[in-house]
Amino acid sequence: ELLFDLCKNVMELLIHTPVTKLGVNQQNTYSLNNVEER
């Protein structure tokens, strides 16, 4: 939430900045029981 708030605050102040693309990325790593299950 802090990440999004900071991004929004910065870009609202720089509202005239030319922007063309946005990527919202997430990575989750899960632990399985063993390598056979993986």
PDB file of all heavy atoms in Angstrom:
ATOM      1  N   GLU A   1       0.825  -1.204   0.000  1.00  0.00           N
ATOM      2  CA  GLU A   1       0.000   0.000   0.000  1.00  0.00           C
ATOM      3  C   GLU A   1       0.862   1.259   0.000  1.00  0.00           C
ATOM      4  O   GLU A   1       0.571   2.225  -0.705  1.00  0.00           O
ATOM      5  CB  GLU A   1      -0.930  -0.002   1.219  1.00  0.00           C
ATOM      6  CG  GLU A   1      -1.959   1.122   1.194  1.00  0.00           C
ATOM      7  CD  GLU A   1      -2.968   1.038   2.323  1.00  0.00           C
ATOM      8  OE1 GLU A   1      -3.073  -0.042   2.948  1.00  0.00           O
ATOM      9  OE2 GLU A   1      -3.659   2.039   2.576  1.00  0.00           O
ATOM     10  N   LEU A   2       1.952   1.238   0.775  1.00  0.00           N
ATOM     11  CA  LEU A   2       2.873   2.377   0.789  1.00  0.00           C
ATOM     12  C   LEU A   2       3.524   2.566  -0.572  1.00  0.00           C
ATOM     13  O   LEU A   2       3.751   3.693  -1.018  1.00  0.00           O
ATOM     14  CB  LEU A   2       3.947   2.168   1.863  1.00  0.00           C
ATOM     15  CG  LEU A   2       3.492   2.144   3.318  1.00  0.00           C
ATOM     16  CD1 LEU A   2       4.670   1.840   4.236  1.00  0.00           C
ATOM     17  CD2 LEU A   2       2.837   3.470   3.705  1.00  0.00           C
ATOM     18  N   LEU A   3       3.823   1.455  -1.231  1.00  0.00           N
ATOM     19  CA  LEU A   3       4.440   1.497  -2.554  1.00  0.00           C
ATOM     20  C   LEU A   3       3.519   2.210  -3.549  1.00  0.00           C
ATOM     21  O   LEU A   3       3.949   3.106  -4.292  1.00  0.00           O
ATOM     22  CB  LEU A   3       4.718   0.067  -3.019  1.00  0.00           C
ATOM     23  CG  LEU A   3       5.813  -0.160  -4.053  1.00  0.00           C
ATOM     24  CD1 LEU A   3       7.180   0.147  -3.460  1.00  0.00           C
ATOM     25  CD2 LEU A   3       5.785  -1.611  -4.528  1.00  0.00           C
ATOM     26  N   PHE A   4       2.247   1.828  -3.547  1.00  0.00           N
ATOM     27  CA  PHE A   4       1.278   2.446  -4.449  1.00  0.00           C
ATOM     28  C   PHE A   4       1.035   3.910  -4.087  1.00  0.00           C
ATOM     29  O   PHE A   4       0.918   4.765  -4.971  1.00  0.00           O
ATOM     30  CB  PHE A   4      -0.042   1.672  -4.427  1.00  0.00           C
ATOM     31  CG  PHE A   4      -0.003   0.380  -5.183  1.00  0.00           C
ATOM     32  CD1 PHE A   4      -0.057  -0.835  -4.517  1.00  0.00           C
ATOM     33  CD2 PHE A   4       0.100   0.373  -6.563  1.00  0.00           C
ATOM     34  CE1 PHE A   4      -0.013  -2.032  -5.214  1.00  0.00           C
ATOM     35  CE2 PHE A   4       0.135  -0.821  -7.275  1.00  0.00           C
ATOM     36  CZ  PHE A   4       0.085  -2.024  -6.594  1.00  0.00           C
ATOM     37  N   ASP A   5       0.951   4.200  -2.809  1.00  0.00           N
ATOM     38  CA  ASP A   5       0.722   5.586  -2.379  1.00  0.00           C
ATOM     39  C   ASP A   5       1.863   6.497  -2.804  1.00  0.00           C
ATOM     40  O   ASP A   5       1.636   7.608  -3.296  1.00  0.00           O
ATOM     41  CB  ASP A   5       0.565   5.657  -0.853  1.00  0.00           C
ATOM     42  CG  ASP A   5      -0.788   5.160  -0.376  1.00  0.00           C
ATOM     43  OD1 ASP A   5      -1.694   5.007  -1.218  1.00  0.00           O
ATOM     44  OD2 ASP A   5      -0.938   4.923   0.832  1.00  0.00           O
ATOM     45  N   LEU A   6       3.086   6.027  -2.617  1.00  0.00           N
ATOM     46  CA  LEU A   6       4.250   6.835  -3.000  1.00  0.00           C
ATOM     47  C   LEU A   6       4.272   7.059  -4.498  1.00  0.00           C
ATOM     48  O   LEU A   6       4.515   8.185  -4.972  1.00  0.00           O
ATOM     49  CB  LEU A   6       5.537   6.146  -2.540  1.00  0.00           C
ATOM     50  CG  LEU A   6       6.840   6.877  -2.873  1.00  0.00           C
ATOM     51  CD1 LEU A   6       6.845   8.278  -2.271  1.00  0.00           C
ATOM     52  CD2 LEU A   6       8.045   6.075  -2.368  1.00  0.00           C
ATOM     53  N   CYS A   7       4.004   6.007  -5.266  1.00  0.00           N
ATOM     54  CA  CYS A   7       3.973   6.133  -6.724  1.00  0.00           C
ATOM     55  C   CYS A   7       2.911   7.138  -7.159  1.00  0.00           C
ATOM     56  O   CYS A   7       3.172   8.018  -7.989  1.00  0.00           O
ATOM     57  CB  CYS A   7       3.710   4.771  -7.353  1.00  0.00           C
ATOM     58  SG  CYS A   7       3.686   4.798  -9.157  1.00  0.00           S
ATOM     59  N   LYS A   8       1.723   7.024  -6.597  1.00  0.00           N
ATOM     60  CA  LYS A   8       0.619   7.923  -6.953  1.00  0.00           C
ATOM     61  C   LYS A   8       0.950   9.370  -6.592  1.00  0.00           C
ATOM     62  O   LYS A   8       0.715  10.289  -7.383  1.00  0.00           O
ATOM     63  CB  LYS A   8      -0.660   7.476  -6.254  1.00  0.00           C
ATOM     64  CG  LYS A   8      -1.896   8.297  -6.580  1.00  0.00           C
ATOM     65  CD  LYS A   8      -3.130   7.618  -6.005  1.00  0.00           C
ATOM     66  CE  LYS A   8      -4.384   8.464  -6.221  1.00  0.00           C
ATOM     67  NZ  LYS A   8      -4.434   9.624  -5.320  1.00  0.00           N
ATOM     68  N   ASN A   9       1.513   9.588  -5.412  1.00  0.00           N
ATOM     69  CA  ASN A   9       1.850  10.951  -4.988  1.00  0.00           C
ATOM     70  C   ASN A   9       2.880  11.588  -5.913  1.00  0.00           C
ATOM     71  O   ASN A   9       2.750  12.761  -6.299  1.00  0.00           O
ATOM     72  CB  ASN A   9       2.391  10.932  -3.556  1.00  0.00           C
ATOM     73  CG  ASN A   9       1.311  10.659  -2.529  1.00  0.00           C
ATOM     74  OD1 ASN A   9       0.131  10.907  -2.775  1.00  0.00           O
ATOM     75  ND2 ASN A   9       1.706  10.132  -1.380  1.00  0.00           N
ATOM     76  N   VAL A  10       3.908  10.811  -6.277  1.00  0.00           N
ATOM     77  CA  VAL A  10       4.960  11.322  -7.159  1.00  0.00           C
ATOM     78  C   VAL A  10       4.390  11.656  -8.529  1.00  0.00           C
ATOM     79  O   VAL A  10       4.634  12.750  -9.073  1.00  0.00           O
ATOM     80  CB  VAL A  10       6.105  10.301  -7.287  1.00  0.00           C
ATOM     81  CG1 VAL A  10       7.058  10.704  -8.420  1.00  0.00           C
ATOM     82  CG2 VAL A  10       6.865  10.189  -5.976  1.00  0.00           C
ATOM     83  N   MET A  11       3.610  10.744  -9.098  1.00  0.00           N
ATOM     84  CA  MET A  11       3.123  10.957 -10.463  1.00  0.00           C
ATOM     85  C   MET A  11       2.021  12.018 -10.524  1.00  0.00           C
ATOM     86  O   MET A  11       1.854  12.667 -11.561  1.00  0.00           O
ATOM     87  CB  MET A  11       2.641   9.636 -11.064  1.00  0.00           C
ATOM     88  CG  MET A  11       3.752   8.586 -11.228  1.00  0.00           C
ATOM     89  SD  MET A  11       5.294   9.219 -11.984  1.00  0.00           S
ATOM     90  CE  MET A  11       4.687   9.766 -13.581  1.00  0.00           C
ATOM     91  N   GLU A  12       1.271  12.202  -9.451  1.00  0.00           N
ATOM     92  CA  GLU A  12       0.291  13.302  -9.434  1.00  0.00           C
ATOM     93  C   GLU A  12       0.996  14.644  -9.430  1.00  0.00           C
ATOM     94  O   GLU A  12       0.509  15.610 -10.028  1.00  0.00           O
ATOM     95  CB  GLU A  12      -0.623  13.171  -8.214  1.00  0.00           C
ATOM     96  CG  GLU A  12      -1.710  12.125  -8.376  1.00  0.00           C
ATOM     97  CD  GLU A  12      -2.652  12.058  -7.192  1.00  0.00           C
ATOM     98  OE1 GLU A  12      -2.261  12.505  -6.085  1.00  0.00           O
ATOM     99  OE2 GLU A  12      -3.767  11.539  -7.362  1.00  0.00           O
ATOM    100  N   LEU A  13       2.141  14.722  -8.767  1.00  0.00           N
ATOM    101  CA  LEU A  13       2.903  15.970  -8.774  1.00  0.00           C
ATOM    102  C   LEU A  13       3.573  16.186 -10.130  1.00  0.00           C
ATOM    103  O   LEU A  13       3.695  17.327 -10.601  1.00  0.00           O
ATOM    104  CB  LEU A  13       3.956  15.937  -7.662  1.00  0.00           C
ATOM    105  CG  LEU A  13       4.670  17.258  -7.385  1.00  0.00           C
ATOM    106  CD1 LEU A  13       3.690  18.355  -6.990  1.00  0.00           C
ATOM    107  CD2 LEU A  13       5.714  17.076  -6.281  1.00  0.00           C
ATOM    108  N   LEU A  14       3.972  15.094 -10.758  1.00  0.00           N
ATOM    109  CA  LEU A  14       4.609  15.166 -12.081  1.00  0.00           C
ATOM    110  C   LEU A  14       3.590  14.825 -13.166  1.00  0.00           C
ATOM    111  O   LEU A  14       3.867  14.070 -14.099  1.00  0.00           O
ATOM    112  CB  LEU A  14       5.790  14.195 -12.144  1.00  0.00           C
ATOM    113  CG  LEU A  14       6.877  14.377 -11.082  1.00  0.00           C
ATOM    114  CD1 LEU A  14       7.955  13.304 -11.218  1.00  0.00           C
ATOM    115  CD2 LEU A  14       7.513  15.766 -11.176  1.00  0.00           C
ATOM    116  N   ILE A  15       2.407  15.396 -13.044  1.00  0.00           N
ATOM    117  CA  ILE A  15       1.253  15.004 -13.860  1.00  0.00           C
ATOM    118  C   ILE A  15       1.473  15.235 -15.354  1.00  0.00           C
ATOM    119  O   ILE A  15       0.814  14.599 -16.187  1.00  0.00           O
ATOM    120  CB  ILE A  15      -0.015  15.744 -13.385  1.00  0.00           C
ATOM    121  CG1 ILE A  15      -1.282  15.069 -13.910  1.00  0.00           C
ATOM    122  CG2 ILE A  15       0.063  17.221 -13.746  1.00  0.00           C
ATOM    123  CD1 ILE A  15      -1.560  13.718 -13.333  1.00  0.00           C
ATOM    124  N   HIS A  16       2.398  16.124 -15.714  1.00  0.00           N
ATOM    125  CA  HIS A  16       2.626  16.414 -17.141  1.00  0.00           C
ATOM    126  C   HIS A  16       3.765  15.571 -17.731  1.00  0.00           C
ATOM    127  O   HIS A  16       4.133  15.758 -18.901  1.00  0.00           O
ATOM    128  CB  HIS A  16       2.918  17.899 -17.336  1.00  0.00           C
ATOM    129  CG  HIS A  16       1.785  18.794 -16.920  1.00  0.00           C
ATOM    130  ND1 HIS A  16       0.557  18.764 -17.551  1.00  0.00           N
ATOM    131  CD2 HIS A  16       1.689  19.711 -15.916  1.00  0.00           C
ATOM    132  CE1 HIS A  16      -0.254  19.636 -16.975  1.00  0.00           C
ATOM    133  NE2 HIS A  16       0.402  20.219 -15.981  1.00  0.00           N
ATOM    134  N   THR A  17       4.285  14.649 -16.961  1.00  0.00           N
ATOM    135  CA  THR A  17       5.341  13.763 -17.460  1.00  0.00           C
ATOM    136  C   THR A  17       4.780  12.816 -18.519  1.00  0.00           C
ATOM    137  O   THR A  17       3.767  12.157 -18.280  1.00  0.00           O
ATOM    138  CB  THR A  17       5.936  12.929 -16.307  1.00  0.00           C
ATOM    139  OG1 THR A  17       6.487  13.817 -15.331  1.00  0.00           O
ATOM    140  CG2 THR A  17       7.011  11.987 -16.823  1.00  0.00           C
ATOM    141  N   PRO A  18       5.407  12.738 -19.693  1.00  0.00           N
ATOM    142  CA  PRO A  18       4.946  11.774 -20.709  1.00  0.00           C
ATOM    143  C   PRO A  18       5.190  10.337 -20.230  1.00  0.00           C
ATOM    144  O   PRO A  18       6.316   9.986 -19.876  1.00  0.00           O
ATOM    145  CB  PRO A  18       5.817  12.106 -21.933  1.00  0.00           C
ATOM    146  CG  PRO A  18       6.381  13.469 -21.674  1.00  0.00           C
ATOM    147  CD  PRO A  18       6.517  13.579 -20.185  1.00  0.00           C
ATOM    148  N   VAL A  19       4.144   9.539 -20.196  1.00  0.00           N
ATOM    149  CA  VAL A  19       4.275   8.124 -19.818  1.00  0.00           C
ATOM    150  C   VAL A  19       3.555   7.278 -20.849  1.00  0.00           C
ATOM    151  O   VAL A  19       2.533   7.675 -21.398  1.00  0.00           O
ATOM    152  CB  VAL A  19       3.720   7.848 -18.405  1.00  0.00           C
ATOM    153  CG1 VAL A  19       4.574   8.535 -17.344  1.00  0.00           C
ATOM    154  CG2 VAL A  19       2.273   8.297 -18.284  1.00  0.00           C
ATOM    155  N   THR A  20       4.079   6.084 -21.120  1.00  0.00           N
ATOM    156  CA  THR A  20       3.502   5.243 -22.169  1.00  0.00           C
ATOM    157  C   THR A  20       3.126   3.841 -21.704  1.00  0.00           C
ATOM    158  O   THR A  20       2.231   3.217 -22.261  1.00  0.00           O
ATOM    159  CB  THR A  20       4.485   5.098 -23.344  1.00  0.00           C
ATOM    160  OG1 THR A  20       5.722   4.537 -22.858  1.00  0.00           O
ATOM    161  CG2 THR A  20       4.763   6.461 -23.984  1.00  0.00           C
ATOM    162  N   LYS A  21       3.814   3.338 -20.672  1.00  0.00           N
ATOM    163  CA  LYS A  21       3.561   1.957 -20.240  1.00  0.00           C
ATOM    164  C   LYS A  21       3.654   1.869 -18.718  1.00  0.00           C
ATOM    165  O   LYS A  21       4.410   2.607 -18.086  1.00  0.00           O
ATOM    166  CB  LYS A  21       4.564   0.982 -20.862  1.00  0.00           C
ATOM    167  CG  LYS A  21       4.596   1.005 -22.389  1.00  0.00           C
ATOM    168  CD  LYS A  21       5.662   0.044 -22.917  1.00  0.00           C
ATOM    169  CE  LYS A  21       5.872   0.213 -24.417  1.00  0.00           C
ATOM    170  NZ  LYS A  21       4.669  -0.102 -25.178  1.00  0.00           N
ATOM    171  N   LEU A  22       2.894   0.927 -18.179  1.00  0.00           N
ATOM    172  CA  LEU A  22       2.923   0.654 -16.749  1.00  0.00           C
ATOM    173  C   LEU A  22       2.949  -0.853 -16.533  1.00  0.00           C
ATOM    174  O   LEU A  22       2.185  -1.596 -17.175  1.00  0.00           O
ATOM    175  CB  LEU A  22       1.688   1.250 -16.062  1.00  0.00           C
ATOM    176  CG  LEU A  22       1.367   0.754 -14.638  1.00  0.00           C
ATOM    177  CD1 LEU A  22       2.440   1.225 -13.657  1.00  0.00           C
ATOM    178  CD2 LEU A  22      -0.011   1.226 -14.205  1.00  0.00           C
ATOM    179  N   GLY A  23       3.801  -1.305 -15.629  1.00  0.00           N
ATOM    180  CA  GLY A  23       3.814  -2.704 -15.238  1.00  0.00           C
ATOM    181  C   GLY A  23       3.705  -2.822 -13.726  1.00  0.00           C
ATOM    182  O   GLY A  23       4.474  -2.194 -13.000  1.00  0.00           O
ATOM    183  N   VAL A  24       2.710  -3.566 -13.269  1.00  0.00           N
ATOM    184  CA  VAL A  24       2.582  -3.859 -11.841  1.00  0.00           C
ATOM    185  C   VAL A  24       2.948  -5.327 -11.673  1.00  0.00           C
ATOM    186  O   VAL A  24       2.229  -6.208 -12.153  1.00  0.00           O
ATOM    187  CB  VAL A  24       1.156  -3.576 -11.323  1.00  0.00           C
ATOM    188  CG1 VAL A  24       1.067  -3.906  -9.831  1.00  0.00           C
ATOM    189  CG2 VAL A  24       0.769  -2.119 -11.579  1.00  0.00           C
ATOM    190  N   ASN A  25       4.075  -5.564 -11.048  1.00  0.00           N
ATOM    191  CA  ASN A  25       4.651  -6.904 -11.025  1.00  0.00           C
ATOM    192  C   ASN A  25       4.668  -7.480  -9.607  1.00  0.00           C
ATOM    193  O   ASN A  25       4.877  -6.752  -8.632  1.00  0.00           O
ATOM    194  CB  ASN A  25       6.079  -6.864 -11.564  1.00  0.00           C
ATOM    195  CG  ASN A  25       6.161  -6.154 -12.897  1.00  0.00           C
ATOM    196  OD1 ASN A  25       5.402  -6.449 -13.813  1.00  0.00           O
ATOM    197  ND2 ASN A  25       7.073  -5.190 -13.006  1.00  0.00           N
ATOM    198  N   GLN A  26       4.452  -8.776  -9.531  1.00  0.00           N
ATOM    199  CA  GLN A  26       4.504  -9.458  -8.238  1.00  0.00           C
ATOM    200  C   GLN A  26       5.155 -10.821  -8.411  1.00  0.00           C
ATOM    201  O   GLN A  26       4.992 -11.473  -9.448  1.00  0.00           O
ATOM    202  CB  GLN A  26       3.110  -9.621  -7.644  1.00  0.00           C
ATOM    203  CG  GLN A  26       3.101 -10.220  -6.238  1.00  0.00           C
ATOM    204  CD  GLN A  26       1.724 -10.197  -5.596  1.00  0.00           C
ATOM    205  OE1 GLN A  26       0.895  -9.329  -5.884  1.00  0.00           O
ATOM    206  NE2 GLN A  26       1.460 -11.148  -4.718  1.00  0.00           N
ATOM    207  N   GLN A  27       5.881 -11.227  -7.392  1.00  0.00           N
ATOM    208  CA  GLN A  27       6.532 -12.540  -7.406  1.00  0.00           C
ATOM    209  C   GLN A  27       6.293 -13.220  -6.064  1.00  0.00           C
ATOM    210  O   GLN A  27       6.580 -12.642  -5.012  1.00  0.00           O
ATOM    211  CB  GLN A  27       8.028 -12.389  -7.660  1.00  0.00           C
ATOM    212  CG  GLN A  27       8.763 -13.699  -7.845  1.00  0.00           C
ATOM    213  CD  GLN A  27      10.232 -13.487  -8.149  1.00  0.00           C
ATOM    214  OE1 GLN A  27      11.054 -13.392  -7.237  1.00  0.00           O
ATOM    215  NE2 GLN A  27      10.569 -13.399  -9.432  1.00  0.00           N
ATOM    216  N   ASN A  28       5.737 -14.415  -6.102  1.00  0.00           N
ATOM    217  CA  ASN A  28       5.499 -15.221  -4.904  1.00  0.00           C
ATOM    218  C   ASN A  28       6.309 -16.503  -4.984  1.00  0.00           C
ATOM    219  O   ASN A  28       6.263 -17.197  -5.996  1.00  0.00           O
ATOM    220  CB  ASN A  28       4.012 -15.599  -4.776  1.00  0.00           C
ATOM    221  CG  ASN A  28       3.135 -14.435  -4.394  1.00  0.00           C
ATOM    222  OD1 ASN A  28       3.600 -13.304  -4.242  1.00  0.00           O
ATOM    223  ND2 ASN A  28       1.852 -14.698  -4.225  1.00  0.00           N
ATOM    224  N   THR A  29       7.024 -16.816  -3.932  1.00  0.00           N
ATOM    225  CA  THR A  29       7.752 -18.079  -3.844  1.00  0.00           C
ATOM    226  C   THR A  29       7.108 -18.947  -2.770  1.00  0.00           C
ATOM    227  O   THR A  29       6.901 -18.493  -1.641  1.00  0.00           O
ATOM    228  CB  THR A  29       9.233 -17.844  -3.521  1.00  0.00           C
ATOM    229  OG1 THR A  29       9.839 -17.097  -4.587  1.00  0.00           O
ATOM    230  CG2 THR A  29       9.974 -19.170  -3.370  1.00  0.00           C
ATOM    231  N   TYR A  30       6.786 -20.183  -3.154  1.00  0.00           N
ATOM    232  CA  TYR A  30       6.105 -21.104  -2.245  1.00  0.00           C
ATOM    233  C   TYR A  30       7.030 -22.276  -1.919  1.00  0.00           C
ATOM    234  O   TYR A  30       7.775 -22.749  -2.777  1.00  0.00           O
ATOM    235  CB  TYR A  30       4.832 -21.661  -2.883  1.00  0.00           C
ATOM    236  CG  TYR A  30       3.743 -20.631  -3.096  1.00  0.00           C
ATOM    237  CD1 TYR A  30       3.753 -19.808  -4.219  1.00  0.00           C
ATOM    238  CD2 TYR A  30       2.696 -20.495  -2.183  1.00  0.00           C
ATOM    239  CE1 TYR A  30       2.755 -18.870  -4.422  1.00  0.00           C
ATOM    240  CE2 TYR A  30       1.690 -19.563  -2.386  1.00  0.00           C
ATOM    241  CZ  TYR A  30       1.732 -18.751  -3.506  1.00  0.00           C
ATOM    242  OH  TYR A  30       0.740 -17.816  -3.704  1.00  0.00           O
ATOM    243  N   SER A  31       6.939 -22.737  -0.677  1.00  0.00           N
ATOM    244  CA  SER A  31       7.687 -23.911  -0.247  1.00  0.00           C
ATOM    245  C   SER A  31       6.789 -25.140  -0.343  1.00  0.00           C
ATOM    246  O   SER A  31       5.711 -25.177   0.252  1.00  0.00           O
ATOM    247  CB  SER A  31       8.176 -23.724   1.195  1.00  0.00           C
ATOM    248  OG  SER A  31       8.835 -24.878   1.649  1.00  0.00           O
ATOM    249  N   LEU A  32       7.237 -26.150  -1.108  1.00  0.00           N
ATOM    250  CA  LEU A  32       6.506 -27.410  -1.212  1.00  0.00           C
ATOM    251  C   LEU A  32       7.112 -28.428  -0.248  1.00  0.00           C
ATOM    252  O   LEU A  32       8.122 -28.162   0.408  1.00  0.00           O
ATOM    253  CB  LEU A  32       6.547 -27.918  -2.651  1.00  0.00           C
ATOM    254  CG  LEU A  32       6.005 -26.939  -3.706  1.00  0.00           C
ATOM    255  CD1 LEU A  32       6.029 -27.572  -5.080  1.00  0.00           C
ATOM    256  CD2 LEU A  32       4.614 -26.464  -3.365  1.00  0.00           C
ATOM    257  N   ASN A  33       6.506 -29.579  -0.154  1.00  0.00           N
ATOM    258  CA  ASN A  33       6.949 -30.570   0.833  1.00  0.00           C
ATOM    259  C   ASN A  33       8.318 -31.158   0.504  1.00  0.00           C
ATOM    260  O   ASN A  33       9.114 -31.445   1.387  1.00  0.00           O
ATOM    261  CB  ASN A  33       5.927 -31.696   0.953  1.00  0.00           C
ATOM    262  CG  ASN A  33       4.627 -31.213   1.577  1.00  0.00           C
ATOM    263  OD1 ASN A  33       4.637 -30.353   2.456  1.00  0.00           O
ATOM    264  ND2 ASN A  33       3.505 -31.748   1.114  1.00  0.00           N
ATOM    265  N   ASN A  34       8.587 -31.319  -0.794  1.00  0.00           N
ATOM    266  CA  ASN A  34       9.861 -31.913  -1.199  1.00  0.00           C
ATOM    267  C   ASN A  34      10.082 -31.648  -2.678  1.00  0.00           C
ATOM    268  O   ASN A  34       9.195 -31.127  -3.380  1.00  0.00           O
ATOM    269  CB  ASN A  34       9.883 -33.413  -0.913  1.00  0.00           C
ATOM    270  CG  ASN A  34       8.622 -34.106  -1.396  1.00  0.00           C
ATOM    271  OD1 ASN A  34       8.280 -34.038  -2.567  1.00  0.00           O
ATOM    272  ND2 ASN A  34       7.915 -34.765  -0.479  1.00  0.00           N
ATOM    273  N   VAL A  35      11.257 -32.012  -3.177  1.00  0.00           N
ATOM    274  CA  VAL A  35      11.586 -31.756  -4.574  1.00  0.00           C
ATOM    275  C   VAL A  35      10.733 -32.610  -5.504  1.00  0.00           C
ATOM    276  O   VAL A  35      10.429 -32.196  -6.642  1.00  0.00           O
ATOM    277  CB  VAL A  35      13.096 -31.988  -4.821  1.00  0.00           C
ATOM    278  CG1 VAL A  35      13.448 -33.463  -4.680  1.00  0.00           C
ATOM    279  CG2 VAL A  35      13.518 -31.453  -6.171  1.00  0.00           C
ATOM    280  N   GLU A  36      10.312 -33.781  -5.048  1.00  0.00           N
ATOM    281  CA  GLU A  36       9.451 -34.636  -5.873  1.00  0.00           C
ATOM    282  C   GLU A  36       8.113 -33.947  -6.142  1.00  0.00           C
ATOM    283  O   GLU A  36       7.563 -34.034  -7.248  1.00  0.00           O
ATOM    284  CB  GLU A  36       9.218 -35.980  -5.187  1.00  0.00           C
ATOM    285  CG  GLU A  36      10.416 -36.922  -5.179  1.00  0.00           C
ATOM    286  CD  GLU A  36      11.473 -36.530  -4.173  1.00  0.00           C
ATOM    287  OE1 GLU A  36      11.133 -35.765  -3.237  1.00  0.00           O
ATOM    288  OE2 GLU A  36      12.631 -36.966  -4.306  1.00  0.00           O
ATOM    289  N   GLU A  37       7.595 -33.265  -5.141  1.00  0.00           N
ATOM    290  CA  GLU A  37       6.335 -32.544  -5.321  1.00  0.00           C
ATOM    291  C   GLU A  37       6.505 -31.386  -6.297  1.00  0.00           C
ATOM    292  O   GLU A  37       5.634 -31.125  -7.117  1.00  0.00           O
ATOM    293  CB  GLU A  37       5.839 -32.032  -3.972  1.00  0.00           C
ATOM    294  CG  GLU A  37       4.384 -31.579  -3.995  1.00  0.00           C
ATOM    295  CD  GLU A  37       3.851 -31.295  -2.609  1.00  0.00           C
ATOM    296  OE1 GLU A  37       4.330 -30.337  -1.972  1.00  0.00           O
ATOM    297  OE2 GLU A  37       2.950 -32.033  -2.166  1.00  0.00           O
ATOM    298  N   ARG A  38       7.652 -30.711  -6.214  1.00  0.00           N
ATOM    299  CA  ARG A  38       7.934 -29.640  -7.166  1.00  0.00           C
ATOM    300  C   ARG A  38       8.014 -30.185  -8.586  1.00  0.00           C
ATOM    301  O   ARG A  38       7.472 -29.607  -9.531  1.00  0.00           O
ATOM    302  CB  ARG A  38       9.245 -28.944  -6.797  1.00  0.00           C
ATOM    303  CG  ARG A  38       9.514 -27.673  -7.614  1.00  0.00           C
ATOM    304  CD  ARG A  38      10.984 -27.367  -7.671  1.00  0.00           C
ATOM    305  NE  ARG A  38      11.712 -28.351  -8.456  1.00  0.00           N
ATOM    306  CZ  ARG A  38      13.021 -28.354  -8.607  1.00  0.00           C
ATOM    307  NH1 ARG A  38      13.768 -27.457  -7.999  1.00  0.00           N
ATOM    308  NH2 ARG A  38      13.614 -29.279  -9.360  1.00  0.00           N
TER     309      ARG A  38
END
